[in-house]
Amino acid sequence: MIRYHYATEELDVEEKENGQDREFLFHFKIPGQYVHDFQKVRAHFDRDRVITDVFFYPQADQRCRVIVRNDYYIDFVLALFKYQIFSRIEWI
């Protein structure tokens, strides 16, 4: 299991199971650097050869729903850390 940390004054993250996948809902409270960095995460997964690893569904009000295949969960979390959306990751 992984625990991650982020700037709660600028971002809300909800995570839940979605069948065999993981579902995230990101809410960017303050548009700016986090939105820009999140676009880098999306570009990272758009460039790889696996089409079904991560699906991004932008929504209104600076929100984005993301569906992540379980076998790409760690890759996704590490990409969020790499682009500094998550400030710390812990394996527990």
C-alpha atoms as a PDB file:
ATOM      1  CA  MET A   1       0.000   0.000   0.000  1.00  0.00           C
ATOM      2  CA  ILE A   2       1.131   3.524  -0.751  1.00  0.00           C
ATOM      3  CA  ARG A   3       0.495   6.747   1.122  1.00  0.00           C
ATOM      4  CA  TYR A   4       1.173  10.001  -0.686  1.00  0.00           C
ATOM      5  CA  HIS A   5       1.261  13.619   0.412  1.00  0.00           C
ATOM      6  CA  TYR A   6       0.455  16.802  -1.478  1.00  0.00           C
ATOM      7  CA  ALA A   7      -0.358  20.467  -0.842  1.00  0.00           C
ATOM      8  CA  THR A   8      -3.923  20.194   0.451  1.00  0.00           C
ATOM      9  CA  GLU A   9      -4.443  23.953   0.265  1.00  0.00           C
ATOM     10  CA  GLU A  10      -3.991  23.781  -3.523  1.00  0.00           C
ATOM     11  CA  LEU A  11      -5.196  20.292  -4.429  1.00  0.00           C
ATOM     12  CA  ASP A  12      -7.717  17.636  -3.429  1.00  0.00           C
ATOM     13  CA  VAL A  13      -7.202  14.012  -4.427  1.00  0.00           C
ATOM     14  CA  GLU A  14      -9.743  11.243  -3.991  1.00  0.00           C
ATOM     15  CA  GLU A  15      -8.824   7.656  -4.770  1.00  0.00           C
ATOM     16  CA  LYS A  16     -11.029   4.571  -4.892  1.00  0.00           C
ATOM     17  CA  GLU A  17     -11.262   1.148  -6.463  1.00  0.00           C
ATOM     18  CA  ASN A  18     -13.058   0.944  -9.777  1.00  0.00           C
ATOM     19  CA  GLY A  19     -13.477  -2.734 -10.580  1.00  0.00           C
ATOM     20  CA  GLN A  20      -9.973  -3.977 -11.355  1.00  0.00           C
ATOM     21  CA  ASP A  21      -8.655  -0.425 -11.725  1.00  0.00           C
ATOM     22  CA  ARG A  22      -7.990   2.579  -9.505  1.00  0.00           C
ATOM     23  CA  GLU A  23      -9.892   5.816  -9.959  1.00  0.00           C
ATOM     24  CA  PHE A  24      -8.604   9.236  -8.965  1.00  0.00           C
ATOM     25  CA  LEU A  25     -10.432  12.536  -8.858  1.00  0.00           C
ATOM     26  CA  PHE A  26      -8.140  15.553  -8.831  1.00  0.00           C
ATOM     27  CA  HIS A  27      -9.488  18.990  -7.950  1.00  0.00           C
ATOM     28  CA  PHE A  28      -7.048  21.828  -8.544  1.00  0.00           C
ATOM     29  CA  LYS A  29      -8.222  24.522  -6.139  1.00  0.00           C
ATOM     30  CA  ILE A  30      -5.810  27.118  -7.508  1.00  0.00           C
ATOM     31  CA  PRO A  31      -5.102  26.999 -11.253  1.00  0.00           C
ATOM     32  CA  GLY A  32      -1.457  27.352 -12.017  1.00  0.00           C
ATOM     33  CA  GLN A  33       1.641  25.240 -11.612  1.00  0.00           C
ATOM     34  CA  TYR A  34      -0.167  22.072 -10.515  1.00  0.00           C
ATOM     35  CA  VAL A  35      -2.371  22.119 -13.607  1.00  0.00           C
ATOM     36  CA  HIS A  36       0.701  22.651 -15.802  1.00  0.00           C
ATOM     37  CA  ASP A  37       2.563  19.797 -14.062  1.00  0.00           C
ATOM     38  CA  PHE A  38      -0.489  17.549 -14.315  1.00  0.00           C
ATOM     39  CA  GLN A  39      -0.481  18.115 -18.076  1.00  0.00           C
ATOM     40  CA  LYS A  40       3.110  16.811 -18.077  1.00  0.00           C
ATOM     41  CA  VAL A  41       1.912  13.642 -16.342  1.00  0.00           C
ATOM     42  CA  ARG A  42      -0.761  13.191 -18.980  1.00  0.00           C
ATOM     43  CA  ALA A  43       1.774  13.774 -21.775  1.00  0.00           C
ATOM     44  CA  HIS A  44       4.050  11.185 -20.165  1.00  0.00           C
ATOM     45  CA  PHE A  45       1.360   8.496 -20.456  1.00  0.00           C
ATOM     46  CA  ASP A  46       0.169   9.695 -23.870  1.00  0.00           C
ATOM     47  CA  ARG A  47       3.691   9.105 -25.234  1.00  0.00           C
ATOM     48  CA  ASP A  48       4.019   5.486 -24.133  1.00  0.00           C
ATOM     49  CA  ARG A  49       2.964   2.573 -26.309  1.00  0.00           C
ATOM     50  CA  VAL A  50       0.291   1.228 -23.954  1.00  0.00           C
ATOM     51  CA  ILE A  51      -3.031   2.830 -24.819  1.00  0.00           C
ATOM     52  CA  THR A  52      -5.031   1.386 -21.917  1.00  0.00           C
ATOM     53  CA  ASP A  53      -2.716   2.169 -18.982  1.00  0.00           C
ATOM     54  CA  VAL A  54      -4.176   5.509 -17.849  1.00  0.00           C
ATOM     55  CA  PHE A  55      -7.300   7.345 -19.025  1.00  0.00           C
ATOM     56  CA  PHE A  56      -7.752  11.061 -18.329  1.00  0.00           C
ATOM     57  CA  TYR A  57     -11.219  12.622 -18.243  1.00  0.00           C
ATOM     58  CA  PRO A  58     -11.030  16.421 -17.759  1.00  0.00           C
ATOM     59  CA  GLN A  59     -14.090  17.891 -16.080  1.00  0.00           C
ATOM     60  CA  ALA A  60     -15.397  21.337 -15.248  1.00  0.00           C
ATOM     61  CA  ASP A  61     -14.114  23.444 -12.360  1.00  0.00           C
ATOM     62  CA  GLN A  62     -10.441  22.428 -12.566  1.00  0.00           C
ATOM     63  CA  ARG A  63     -11.199  18.743 -11.963  1.00  0.00           C
ATOM     64  CA  CYS A  64      -9.914  15.656 -13.712  1.00  0.00           C
ATOM     65  CA  ARG A  65     -10.999  12.038 -13.289  1.00  0.00           C
ATOM     66  CA  VAL A  66      -8.282   9.486 -13.996  1.00  0.00           C
ATOM     67  CA  ILE A  67      -8.698   5.722 -14.380  1.00  0.00           C
ATOM     68  CA  VAL A  68      -5.467   3.773 -13.861  1.00  0.00           C
ATOM     69  CA  ARG A  69      -4.977   0.085 -14.579  1.00  0.00           C
ATOM     70  CA  ASN A  70      -3.807  -1.680 -11.425  1.00  0.00           C
ATOM     71  CA  ASP A  71      -0.571  -2.805 -13.048  1.00  0.00           C
ATOM     72  CA  TYR A  72       0.252   0.869 -13.813  1.00  0.00           C
ATOM     73  CA  TYR A  73      -0.724   2.246 -10.401  1.00  0.00           C
ATOM     74  CA  ILE A  74       2.884   2.560  -9.157  1.00  0.00           C
ATOM     75  CA  ASP A  75       3.991   4.133 -12.443  1.00  0.00           C
ATOM     76  CA  PHE A  76       1.205   6.704 -12.170  1.00  0.00           C
ATOM     77  CA  VAL A  77       1.952   7.598  -8.549  1.00  0.00           C
ATOM     78  CA  LEU A  78       5.672   7.888  -9.326  1.00  0.00           C
ATOM     79  CA  ALA A  79       4.905  10.178 -12.281  1.00  0.00           C
ATOM     80  CA  LEU A  80       2.856  12.408  -9.968  1.00  0.00           C
ATOM     81  CA  PHE A  81       5.852  12.502  -7.636  1.00  0.00           C
ATOM     82  CA  LYS A  82       8.303  13.126 -10.489  1.00  0.00           C
ATOM     83  CA  TYR A  83       6.334  16.170 -11.635  1.00  0.00           C
ATOM     84  CA  GLN A  84       5.973  17.357  -8.010  1.00  0.00           C
ATOM     85  CA  ILE A  85       2.225  17.014  -7.688  1.00  0.00           C
ATOM     86  CA  PHE A  86       2.856  14.603  -4.831  1.00  0.00           C
ATOM     87  CA  SER A  87       5.476  15.873  -2.410  1.00  0.00           C
ATOM     88  CA  ARG A  88       6.151  12.581  -0.628  1.00  0.00           C
ATOM     89  CA  ILE A  89       5.418   8.885  -1.139  1.00  0.00           C
ATOM     90  CA  GLU A  90       5.537   6.183   1.530  1.00  0.00           C
ATOM     91  CA  TRP A  91       5.222   2.433   1.182  1.00  0.00           C
ATOM     92  CA  ILE A  92       3.308   1.176   4.208  1.00  0.00           C
END
